[in-house]
Amino acid sequence: MSETAHHSHKKLYIGVFFALAILTGLELLIPGLEGVSYIMKASSLTGLAFGKAFLVAYFYMHLNEEKGWLKFIAAIPCSAGIYAAVVILESMYR
């Protein structure tokens, strides 16, 4: 039988966990910032949310171990989100 060696991902997952914890801490600090515009706060929080979603999908859902076509299929919903953002922004500034 063919057996493949399994190496532990514990260090990687702990690193991702701490990165997510730091990003969450930043998300908690941003709303309390004085002198920063609402648009800047909203943009920062949205960017942090996308970053956290990427980390979870890439590492915990094992997209980093998948073939290119499956990564592409997983990225298709992102295009719908970008389209929705463009439509919303376009309607706001009309």
N, C-alpha and C. Protein backbone atom coordinates (compact mmCIF):
# COMPACT_ATOMS: atom_id res chain seq x y z
N MET A 1 0.82 -1.19 0.00
CA MET A 1 0.00 0.00 0.00
C MET A 1 0.86 1.25 0.00
N SER A 2 0.32 2.24 -0.59
CA SER A 2 1.01 3.52 -0.64
C SER A 2 0.57 4.40 0.52
N GLU A 3 1.52 4.79 1.32
CA GLU A 3 1.20 5.67 2.44
C GLU A 3 1.95 6.99 2.26
N THR A 4 1.24 8.07 2.46
CA THR A 4 1.89 9.37 2.37
C THR A 4 2.15 9.88 3.77
N ALA A 5 3.26 10.55 3.92
CA ALA A 5 3.62 11.10 5.23
C ALA A 5 2.74 12.31 5.52
N HIS A 6 2.24 12.36 6.72
CA HIS A 6 1.40 13.48 7.13
C HIS A 6 2.20 14.37 8.07
N HIS A 7 2.28 15.64 7.72
CA HIS A 7 2.96 16.56 8.62
C HIS A 7 1.93 17.45 9.31
N SER A 8 2.26 17.85 10.49
CA SER A 8 1.33 18.61 11.32
C SER A 8 1.17 20.04 10.80
N HIS A 9 -0.05 20.53 10.84
CA HIS A 9 -0.34 21.90 10.45
C HIS A 9 -0.60 22.78 11.67
N LYS A 10 -0.24 22.27 12.83
CA LYS A 10 -0.57 22.96 14.08
C LYS A 10 0.02 24.38 14.12
N LYS A 11 1.30 24.55 13.75
CA LYS A 11 1.92 25.88 13.78
C LYS A 11 1.19 26.83 12.84
N LEU A 12 0.86 26.35 11.67
CA LEU A 12 0.17 27.18 10.68
C LEU A 12 -1.18 27.64 11.21
N TYR A 13 -1.95 26.71 11.77
CA TYR A 13 -3.28 27.06 12.27
C TYR A 13 -3.22 28.00 13.47
N ILE A 14 -2.23 27.83 14.32
CA ILE A 14 -2.07 28.74 15.45
C ILE A 14 -1.70 30.13 14.95
N GLY A 15 -0.84 30.21 13.94
CA GLY A 15 -0.48 31.50 13.35
C GLY A 15 -1.68 32.19 12.73
N VAL A 16 -2.49 31.44 12.02
CA VAL A 16 -3.70 32.01 11.41
C VAL A 16 -4.67 32.45 12.50
N PHE A 17 -4.78 31.66 13.56
CA PHE A 17 -5.65 32.03 14.68
C PHE A 17 -5.23 33.37 15.28
N PHE A 18 -3.94 33.56 15.51
CA PHE A 18 -3.48 34.82 16.08
C PHE A 18 -3.65 35.98 15.10
N ALA A 19 -3.48 35.73 13.81
CA ALA A 19 -3.72 36.77 12.82
C ALA A 19 -5.19 37.19 12.84
N LEU A 20 -6.09 36.21 12.93
CA LEU A 20 -7.52 36.52 13.02
C LEU A 20 -7.84 37.28 14.31
N ALA A 21 -7.18 36.93 15.40
CA ALA A 21 -7.40 37.63 16.67
C ALA A 21 -6.95 39.08 16.57
N ILE A 22 -5.81 39.32 15.93
CA ILE A 22 -5.32 40.69 15.76
C ILE A 22 -6.27 41.49 14.88
N LEU A 23 -6.73 40.89 13.79
CA LEU A 23 -7.67 41.59 12.91
C LEU A 23 -8.98 41.90 13.63
N THR A 24 -9.43 40.98 14.48
CA THR A 24 -10.64 41.22 15.26
C THR A 24 -10.43 42.36 16.25
N GLY A 25 -9.26 42.41 16.87
CA GLY A 25 -8.94 43.51 17.76
C GLY A 25 -8.96 44.85 17.05
N LEU A 26 -8.42 44.87 15.83
CA LEU A 26 -8.47 46.11 15.03
C LEU A 26 -9.91 46.49 14.71
N GLU A 27 -10.73 45.49 14.41
CA GLU A 27 -12.14 45.77 14.12
C GLU A 27 -12.85 46.38 15.32
N LEU A 28 -12.44 46.01 16.51
CA LEU A 28 -13.05 46.56 17.71
C LEU A 28 -12.56 47.98 18.00
N LEU A 29 -11.35 48.30 17.58
CA LEU A 29 -10.78 49.63 17.83
C LEU A 29 -11.25 50.69 16.83
N ILE A 30 -11.48 50.30 15.60
CA ILE A 30 -11.79 51.27 14.53
C ILE A 30 -13.03 52.11 14.81
N PRO A 31 -14.15 51.56 15.26
CA PRO A 31 -15.33 52.41 15.47
C PRO A 31 -15.12 53.52 16.50
N GLY A 32 -14.22 53.34 17.44
CA GLY A 32 -13.99 54.34 18.47
C GLY A 32 -13.01 55.43 18.09
N LEU A 33 -12.44 55.38 16.90
CA LEU A 33 -11.47 56.39 16.49
C LEU A 33 -12.15 57.74 16.30
N GLU A 34 -11.57 58.75 16.90
CA GLU A 34 -12.09 60.12 16.77
C GLU A 34 -11.43 60.80 15.58
N GLY A 35 -12.18 61.64 14.91
CA GLY A 35 -11.63 62.42 13.81
C GLY A 35 -11.48 61.67 12.50
N VAL A 36 -12.02 60.48 12.44
CA VAL A 36 -11.94 59.69 11.21
C VAL A 36 -13.34 59.64 10.61
N SER A 37 -13.43 59.87 9.31
CA SER A 37 -14.74 59.92 8.66
C SER A 37 -15.43 58.56 8.67
N TYR A 38 -16.74 58.62 8.52
CA TYR A 38 -17.55 57.39 8.49
C TYR A 38 -17.14 56.51 7.32
N ILE A 39 -16.90 57.11 6.17
CA ILE A 39 -16.52 56.34 4.97
C ILE A 39 -15.20 55.61 5.22
N MET A 40 -14.26 56.27 5.86
CA MET A 40 -12.96 55.64 6.12
C MET A 40 -13.12 54.47 7.10
N LYS A 41 -13.93 54.67 8.13
CA LYS A 41 -14.17 53.58 9.09
C LYS A 41 -14.85 52.40 8.41
N ALA A 42 -15.88 52.69 7.61
CA ALA A 42 -16.62 51.63 6.93
C ALA A 42 -15.72 50.89 5.95
N SER A 43 -14.89 51.62 5.22
CA SER A 43 -13.97 50.99 4.27
C SER A 43 -12.96 50.11 4.99
N SER A 44 -12.44 50.60 6.10
CA SER A 44 -11.47 49.82 6.87
C SER A 44 -12.09 48.54 7.42
N LEU A 45 -13.29 48.66 7.97
CA LEU A 45 -13.96 47.48 8.52
C LEU A 45 -14.31 46.47 7.43
N THR A 46 -14.71 46.97 6.27
CA THR A 46 -15.01 46.07 5.15
C THR A 46 -13.76 45.35 4.68
N GLY A 47 -12.66 46.08 4.57
CA GLY A 47 -11.39 45.46 4.17
C GLY A 47 -10.92 44.41 5.16
N LEU A 48 -11.06 44.71 6.44
CA LEU A 48 -10.68 43.72 7.46
C LEU A 48 -11.57 42.48 7.39
N ALA A 49 -12.85 42.68 7.14
CA ALA A 49 -13.77 41.54 7.02
C ALA A 49 -13.39 40.67 5.82
N PHE A 50 -13.05 41.29 4.70
CA PHE A 50 -12.62 40.52 3.54
C PHE A 50 -11.32 39.78 3.83
N GLY A 51 -10.40 40.42 4.53
CA GLY A 51 -9.14 39.78 4.89
C GLY A 51 -9.35 38.56 5.77
N LYS A 52 -10.23 38.70 6.76
CA LYS A 52 -10.52 37.58 7.64
C LYS A 52 -11.22 36.45 6.88
N ALA A 53 -12.13 36.80 6.00
CA ALA A 53 -12.82 35.77 5.21
C ALA A 53 -11.83 35.03 4.32
N PHE A 54 -10.87 35.76 3.76
CA PHE A 54 -9.85 35.12 2.93
C PHE A 54 -9.01 34.14 3.76
N LEU A 55 -8.58 34.57 4.94
CA LEU A 55 -7.77 33.69 5.78
C LEU A 55 -8.51 32.41 6.14
N VAL A 56 -9.77 32.55 6.51
CA VAL A 56 -10.56 31.38 6.88
C VAL A 56 -10.73 30.45 5.69
N ALA A 57 -11.09 31.00 4.54
CA ALA A 57 -11.31 30.17 3.35
C ALA A 57 -10.01 29.53 2.88
N TYR A 58 -8.93 30.28 2.86
CA TYR A 58 -7.68 29.78 2.31
C TYR A 58 -7.04 28.71 3.19
N PHE A 59 -7.07 28.90 4.49
CA PHE A 59 -6.38 27.96 5.37
C PHE A 59 -7.31 26.93 6.00
N TYR A 60 -8.39 27.37 6.61
CA TYR A 60 -9.25 26.42 7.33
C TYR A 60 -10.14 25.61 6.39
N MET A 61 -10.43 26.14 5.21
CA MET A 61 -11.21 25.37 4.23
C MET A 61 -10.28 24.70 3.22
N HIS A 62 -8.97 24.79 3.45
CA HIS A 62 -7.93 24.09 2.69
C HIS A 62 -7.88 24.46 1.21
N LEU A 63 -8.23 25.70 0.87
CA LEU A 63 -8.10 26.11 -0.53
C LEU A 63 -6.65 26.21 -0.95
N ASN A 64 -5.74 26.37 0.00
CA ASN A 64 -4.32 26.43 -0.35
C ASN A 64 -3.80 25.09 -0.86
N GLU A 65 -4.53 24.01 -0.63
CA GLU A 65 -4.11 22.68 -1.09
C GLU A 65 -4.86 22.22 -2.33
N GLU A 66 -5.73 23.05 -2.86
CA GLU A 66 -6.54 22.65 -4.01
C GLU A 66 -5.87 23.04 -5.32
N LYS A 67 -6.39 22.47 -6.39
CA LYS A 67 -5.91 22.79 -7.73
C LYS A 67 -6.43 24.15 -8.15
N GLY A 68 -5.83 24.70 -9.18
CA GLY A 68 -6.16 26.05 -9.63
C GLY A 68 -7.61 26.23 -10.02
N TRP A 69 -8.20 25.26 -10.70
CA TRP A 69 -9.58 25.43 -11.17
C TRP A 69 -10.55 25.51 -10.01
N LEU A 70 -10.28 24.79 -8.91
CA LEU A 70 -11.18 24.85 -7.76
C LEU A 70 -11.05 26.19 -7.04
N LYS A 71 -9.85 26.75 -7.02
CA LYS A 71 -9.67 28.10 -6.47
C LYS A 71 -10.46 29.10 -7.29
N PHE A 72 -10.46 28.92 -8.60
CA PHE A 72 -11.21 29.81 -9.48
C PHE A 72 -12.71 29.70 -9.21
N ILE A 73 -13.19 28.48 -9.06
CA ILE A 73 -14.61 28.28 -8.77
C ILE A 73 -14.98 28.92 -7.43
N ALA A 74 -14.10 28.82 -6.44
CA ALA A 74 -14.37 29.43 -5.14
C ALA A 74 -14.34 30.95 -5.21
N ALA A 75 -13.63 31.51 -6.18
CA ALA A 75 -13.52 32.97 -6.31
C ALA A 75 -14.68 33.58 -7.09
N ILE A 76 -15.47 32.76 -7.77
CA ILE A 76 -16.58 33.29 -8.58
C ILE A 76 -17.56 34.12 -7.75
N PRO A 77 -17.96 33.69 -6.55
CA PRO A 77 -18.88 34.54 -5.77
C PRO A 77 -18.30 35.91 -5.44
N CYS A 78 -16.98 36.03 -5.40
CA CYS A 78 -16.37 37.34 -5.14
C CYS A 78 -16.73 38.33 -6.24
N SER A 79 -16.85 37.85 -7.47
CA SER A 79 -17.22 38.75 -8.56
C SER A 79 -18.63 39.29 -8.36
N ALA A 80 -19.52 38.49 -7.79
CA ALA A 80 -20.87 38.97 -7.50
C ALA A 80 -20.83 40.05 -6.42
N GLY A 81 -19.97 39.89 -5.43
CA GLY A 81 -19.83 40.91 -4.40
C GLY A 81 -19.26 42.20 -4.94
N ILE A 82 -18.29 42.09 -5.83
CA ILE A 82 -17.71 43.29 -6.45
C ILE A 82 -18.76 43.99 -7.30
N TYR A 83 -19.52 43.23 -8.05
CA TYR A 83 -20.59 43.81 -8.87
C TYR A 83 -21.61 44.52 -7.99
N ALA A 84 -22.00 43.90 -6.89
CA ALA A 84 -22.98 44.52 -5.98
C ALA A 84 -22.42 45.82 -5.40
N ALA A 85 -21.15 45.83 -5.04
CA ALA A 85 -20.54 47.05 -4.49
C ALA A 85 -20.53 48.16 -5.53
N VAL A 86 -20.21 47.83 -6.77
CA VAL A 86 -20.19 48.84 -7.83
C VAL A 86 -21.59 49.40 -8.06
N VAL A 87 -22.59 48.54 -8.09
CA VAL A 87 -23.97 49.00 -8.29
C VAL A 87 -24.42 49.90 -7.14
N ILE A 88 -24.09 49.52 -5.92
CA ILE A 88 -24.47 50.32 -4.76
C ILE A 88 -23.78 51.68 -4.80
N LEU A 89 -22.49 51.69 -5.09
CA LEU A 89 -21.76 52.96 -5.16
C LEU A 89 -22.29 53.84 -6.29
N GLU A 90 -22.60 53.21 -7.41
CA GLU A 90 -23.12 53.98 -8.54
C GLU A 90 -24.46 54.62 -8.18
N SER A 91 -25.31 53.90 -7.48
CA SER A 91 -26.62 54.46 -7.12
C SER A 91 -26.49 55.53 -6.04
N MET A 92 -25.47 55.43 -5.19
CA MET A 92 -25.27 56.44 -4.15
C MET A 92 -24.82 57.78 -4.73
N TYR A 93 -24.01 57.74 -5.76
CA TYR A 93 -23.43 58.97 -6.31
C TYR A 93 -24.14 59.46 -7.56
N ARG A 94 -25.32 58.98 -7.80
CA ARG A 94 -26.10 59.41 -8.96
C ARG A 94 -26.67 60.77 -8.78
